[in-house]
Amino acid sequence: MSENLYDRPVAGPFAALCGGGTNDGSMEDCISLAELTGGGYALGDTKPEGSGRELRMSREEITSFAEAWLAQERQA
């Protein structure tokens, strides 16, 4: 399996994770998330302007990001 996350195929469907923002059903306040074959995650933007763009992160990278973001939010 390639170490490059962008070489790995998506293992299943993307799930939309929504919250905040508009909450009007327009998907303007969502990110999409799918697991990658061999590990890792693909994150996408559900806005029309972000269609087809992905950010890929390992489990460690996405966990580190989430922990840092939550710590920052708690301090605000």
N, C-alpha and C. Protein backbone atom coordinates (compact mmCIF):
# COMPACT_ATOMS: atom_id res chain seq x y z
N MET A 1 0.85 -1.18 0.00
CA MET A 1 0.00 0.00 0.00
C MET A 1 0.89 1.24 0.00
N SER A 2 0.55 2.18 -0.83
CA SER A 2 1.34 3.40 -0.95
C SER A 2 1.29 4.22 0.35
N GLU A 3 2.41 4.83 0.69
CA GLU A 3 2.46 5.74 1.84
C GLU A 3 1.79 7.06 1.51
N ASN A 4 1.69 7.39 0.21
CA ASN A 4 1.06 8.64 -0.23
C ASN A 4 -0.45 8.49 -0.14
N LEU A 5 -1.08 9.24 0.74
CA LEU A 5 -2.52 9.12 0.94
C LEU A 5 -3.31 9.46 -0.32
N TYR A 6 -2.75 10.29 -1.19
CA TYR A 6 -3.44 10.67 -2.42
C TYR A 6 -3.41 9.56 -3.48
N ASP A 7 -2.61 8.52 -3.25
CA ASP A 7 -2.60 7.36 -4.13
C ASP A 7 -3.60 6.30 -3.69
N ARG A 8 -4.15 6.43 -2.50
CA ARG A 8 -5.06 5.41 -1.96
C ARG A 8 -6.50 5.66 -2.40
N PRO A 9 -7.21 4.60 -2.77
CA PRO A 9 -8.61 4.77 -3.13
C PRO A 9 -9.48 4.98 -1.89
N VAL A 10 -10.59 5.65 -2.10
CA VAL A 10 -11.59 5.82 -1.03
C VAL A 10 -12.25 4.47 -0.80
N ALA A 11 -12.39 4.06 0.46
CA ALA A 11 -12.88 2.73 0.81
C ALA A 11 -14.40 2.62 0.81
N GLY A 12 -15.09 3.72 0.90
CA GLY A 12 -16.55 3.66 0.95
C GLY A 12 -17.15 5.01 0.65
N PRO A 13 -18.43 5.15 0.90
CA PRO A 13 -19.08 6.43 0.59
C PRO A 13 -18.65 7.54 1.54
N PHE A 14 -18.75 8.76 1.05
CA PHE A 14 -18.51 9.93 1.89
C PHE A 14 -19.74 10.18 2.76
N ALA A 15 -19.54 10.54 4.01
CA ALA A 15 -20.62 10.93 4.91
C ALA A 15 -20.54 12.43 5.11
N ALA A 16 -21.68 13.10 5.09
CA ALA A 16 -21.71 14.55 5.33
C ALA A 16 -21.87 14.80 6.82
N LEU A 17 -20.96 15.59 7.37
CA LEU A 17 -21.01 15.97 8.78
C LEU A 17 -21.36 17.45 8.82
N CYS A 18 -22.55 17.76 9.33
CA CYS A 18 -23.05 19.13 9.24
C CYS A 18 -23.27 19.73 10.62
N GLY A 19 -23.18 21.04 10.68
CA GLY A 19 -23.44 21.76 11.92
C GLY A 19 -22.98 23.19 11.81
N GLY A 20 -23.58 24.05 12.62
CA GLY A 20 -23.23 25.45 12.56
C GLY A 20 -23.70 26.06 11.26
N GLY A 21 -23.19 27.21 10.93
CA GLY A 21 -23.51 27.82 9.64
C GLY A 21 -24.99 27.99 9.39
N THR A 22 -25.42 27.62 8.20
CA THR A 22 -26.78 27.90 7.76
C THR A 22 -27.83 26.96 8.32
N ASN A 23 -27.50 25.66 8.44
CA ASN A 23 -28.46 24.65 8.90
C ASN A 23 -29.79 24.72 8.16
N ASP A 24 -29.74 25.07 6.88
CA ASP A 24 -30.97 25.18 6.10
C ASP A 24 -31.14 24.05 5.10
N GLY A 25 -30.33 23.01 5.24
CA GLY A 25 -30.42 21.88 4.33
C GLY A 25 -29.66 22.07 3.03
N SER A 26 -28.97 23.18 2.88
CA SER A 26 -28.28 23.47 1.63
C SER A 26 -26.91 22.82 1.55
N MET A 27 -26.46 22.16 2.59
CA MET A 27 -25.14 21.54 2.67
C MET A 27 -24.02 22.58 2.67
N GLU A 28 -24.33 23.83 2.91
CA GLU A 28 -23.32 24.89 2.93
C GLU A 28 -22.50 24.86 4.21
N ASP A 29 -22.93 24.10 5.20
CA ASP A 29 -22.21 24.08 6.48
C ASP A 29 -21.73 22.67 6.82
N CYS A 30 -21.34 21.92 5.79
CA CYS A 30 -20.95 20.53 5.99
C CYS A 30 -19.55 20.26 5.46
N ILE A 31 -18.93 19.24 6.02
CA ILE A 31 -17.75 18.65 5.41
C ILE A 31 -18.11 17.21 5.11
N SER A 32 -17.45 16.63 4.15
CA SER A 32 -17.66 15.21 3.87
C SER A 32 -16.41 14.46 4.30
N LEU A 33 -16.60 13.23 4.71
CA LEU A 33 -15.52 12.43 5.27
C LEU A 33 -15.68 10.99 4.80
N ALA A 34 -14.57 10.38 4.35
CA ALA A 34 -14.57 8.97 3.96
C ALA A 34 -13.24 8.35 4.36
N GLU A 35 -13.27 7.07 4.66
CA GLU A 35 -12.04 6.34 4.98
C GLU A 35 -11.33 5.96 3.69
N LEU A 36 -10.00 5.86 3.79
CA LEU A 36 -9.18 5.44 2.67
C LEU A 36 -8.76 3.99 2.84
N THR A 37 -8.66 3.26 1.75
CA THR A 37 -8.13 1.91 1.79
C THR A 37 -6.71 1.96 2.33
N GLY A 38 -6.42 1.15 3.32
CA GLY A 38 -5.09 1.12 3.90
C GLY A 38 -4.87 2.14 5.01
N GLY A 39 -5.92 2.89 5.37
CA GLY A 39 -5.83 3.85 6.46
C GLY A 39 -5.80 5.28 5.99
N GLY A 40 -6.34 6.14 6.80
CA GLY A 40 -6.41 7.55 6.51
C GLY A 40 -7.82 7.98 6.14
N TYR A 41 -7.96 9.28 5.92
CA TYR A 41 -9.27 9.85 5.65
C TYR A 41 -9.19 10.89 4.54
N ALA A 42 -10.25 10.97 3.78
CA ALA A 42 -10.41 12.02 2.77
C ALA A 42 -11.50 12.96 3.27
N LEU A 43 -11.19 14.25 3.33
CA LEU A 43 -12.16 15.26 3.74
C LEU A 43 -12.49 16.12 2.54
N GLY A 44 -13.76 16.44 2.40
CA GLY A 44 -14.19 17.27 1.28
C GLY A 44 -15.10 18.38 1.73
N ASP A 45 -15.26 19.35 0.87
CA ASP A 45 -16.15 20.49 1.09
C ASP A 45 -17.44 20.23 0.34
N THR A 46 -18.59 20.35 1.00
CA THR A 46 -19.86 20.07 0.35
C THR A 46 -20.42 21.27 -0.43
N LYS A 47 -19.77 22.41 -0.32
CA LYS A 47 -20.21 23.57 -1.09
C LYS A 47 -19.92 23.35 -2.57
N PRO A 48 -20.76 23.87 -3.46
CA PRO A 48 -20.52 23.68 -4.90
C PRO A 48 -19.12 24.12 -5.33
N GLU A 49 -18.61 25.19 -4.74
CA GLU A 49 -17.30 25.70 -5.11
C GLU A 49 -16.17 24.76 -4.71
N GLY A 50 -16.43 23.90 -3.74
CA GLY A 50 -15.41 22.96 -3.27
C GLY A 50 -15.53 21.58 -3.86
N SER A 51 -16.45 21.40 -4.76
CA SER A 51 -16.71 20.09 -5.35
C SER A 51 -15.45 19.49 -5.97
N GLY A 52 -15.19 18.25 -5.63
CA GLY A 52 -14.06 17.53 -6.21
C GLY A 52 -12.73 17.78 -5.54
N ARG A 53 -12.70 18.66 -4.56
CA ARG A 53 -11.44 18.94 -3.85
C ARG A 53 -11.40 18.12 -2.56
N GLU A 54 -10.24 17.58 -2.27
CA GLU A 54 -10.09 16.76 -1.07
C GLU A 54 -8.82 17.13 -0.32
N LEU A 55 -8.88 16.94 0.97
CA LEU A 55 -7.72 17.00 1.84
C LEU A 55 -7.62 15.61 2.45
N ARG A 56 -6.46 15.02 2.37
CA ARG A 56 -6.29 13.67 2.91
C ARG A 56 -5.36 13.71 4.10
N MET A 57 -5.75 13.00 5.15
CA MET A 57 -4.99 13.01 6.40
C MET A 57 -4.91 11.60 6.96
N SER A 58 -3.78 11.31 7.60
CA SER A 58 -3.65 10.05 8.32
C SER A 58 -4.49 10.13 9.59
N ARG A 59 -4.66 9.00 10.23
CA ARG A 59 -5.39 8.97 11.51
C ARG A 59 -4.71 9.88 12.53
N GLU A 60 -3.39 9.82 12.56
CA GLU A 60 -2.63 10.65 13.50
C GLU A 60 -2.80 12.14 13.20
N GLU A 61 -2.75 12.49 11.92
CA GLU A 61 -2.87 13.89 11.54
C GLU A 61 -4.26 14.45 11.88
N ILE A 62 -5.32 13.70 11.57
CA ILE A 62 -6.66 14.21 11.83
C ILE A 62 -6.93 14.26 13.34
N THR A 63 -6.38 13.31 14.09
CA THR A 63 -6.54 13.31 15.54
C THR A 63 -5.82 14.51 16.16
N SER A 64 -4.59 14.76 15.72
CA SER A 64 -3.83 15.90 16.21
C SER A 64 -4.54 17.21 15.89
N PHE A 65 -5.05 17.33 14.67
CA PHE A 65 -5.79 18.53 14.28
C PHE A 65 -7.01 18.73 15.17
N ALA A 66 -7.81 17.67 15.36
CA ALA A 66 -9.04 17.78 16.15
C ALA A 66 -8.73 18.14 17.61
N GLU A 67 -7.70 17.53 18.18
CA GLU A 67 -7.34 17.84 19.57
C GLU A 67 -6.90 19.28 19.71
N ALA A 68 -6.07 19.77 18.78
CA ALA A 68 -5.60 21.16 18.84
C ALA A 68 -6.75 22.13 18.64
N TRP A 69 -7.64 21.83 17.71
CA TRP A 69 -8.79 22.71 17.45
C TRP A 69 -9.70 22.77 18.68
N LEU A 70 -9.98 21.63 19.29
CA LEU A 70 -10.84 21.61 20.48
C LEU A 70 -10.20 22.36 21.64
N ALA A 71 -8.88 22.20 21.83
CA ALA A 71 -8.19 22.92 22.89
C ALA A 71 -8.28 24.43 22.66
N GLN A 72 -8.15 24.86 21.44
CA GLN A 72 -8.26 26.28 21.10
C GLN A 72 -9.67 26.80 21.38
N GLU A 73 -10.67 26.01 21.03
CA GLU A 73 -12.06 26.39 21.25
C GLU A 73 -12.37 26.51 22.75
N ARG A 74 -11.79 25.65 23.56
CA ARG A 74 -12.02 25.69 25.00
C ARG A 74 -11.43 26.95 25.62
N GLN A 75 -10.34 27.46 25.03
CA GLN A 75 -9.69 28.66 25.54
C GLN A 75 -10.40 29.94 25.13
N ALA A 76 -11.20 29.86 24.09
CA ALA A 76 -11.88 31.07 23.58
C ALA A 76 -13.01 31.52 24.46
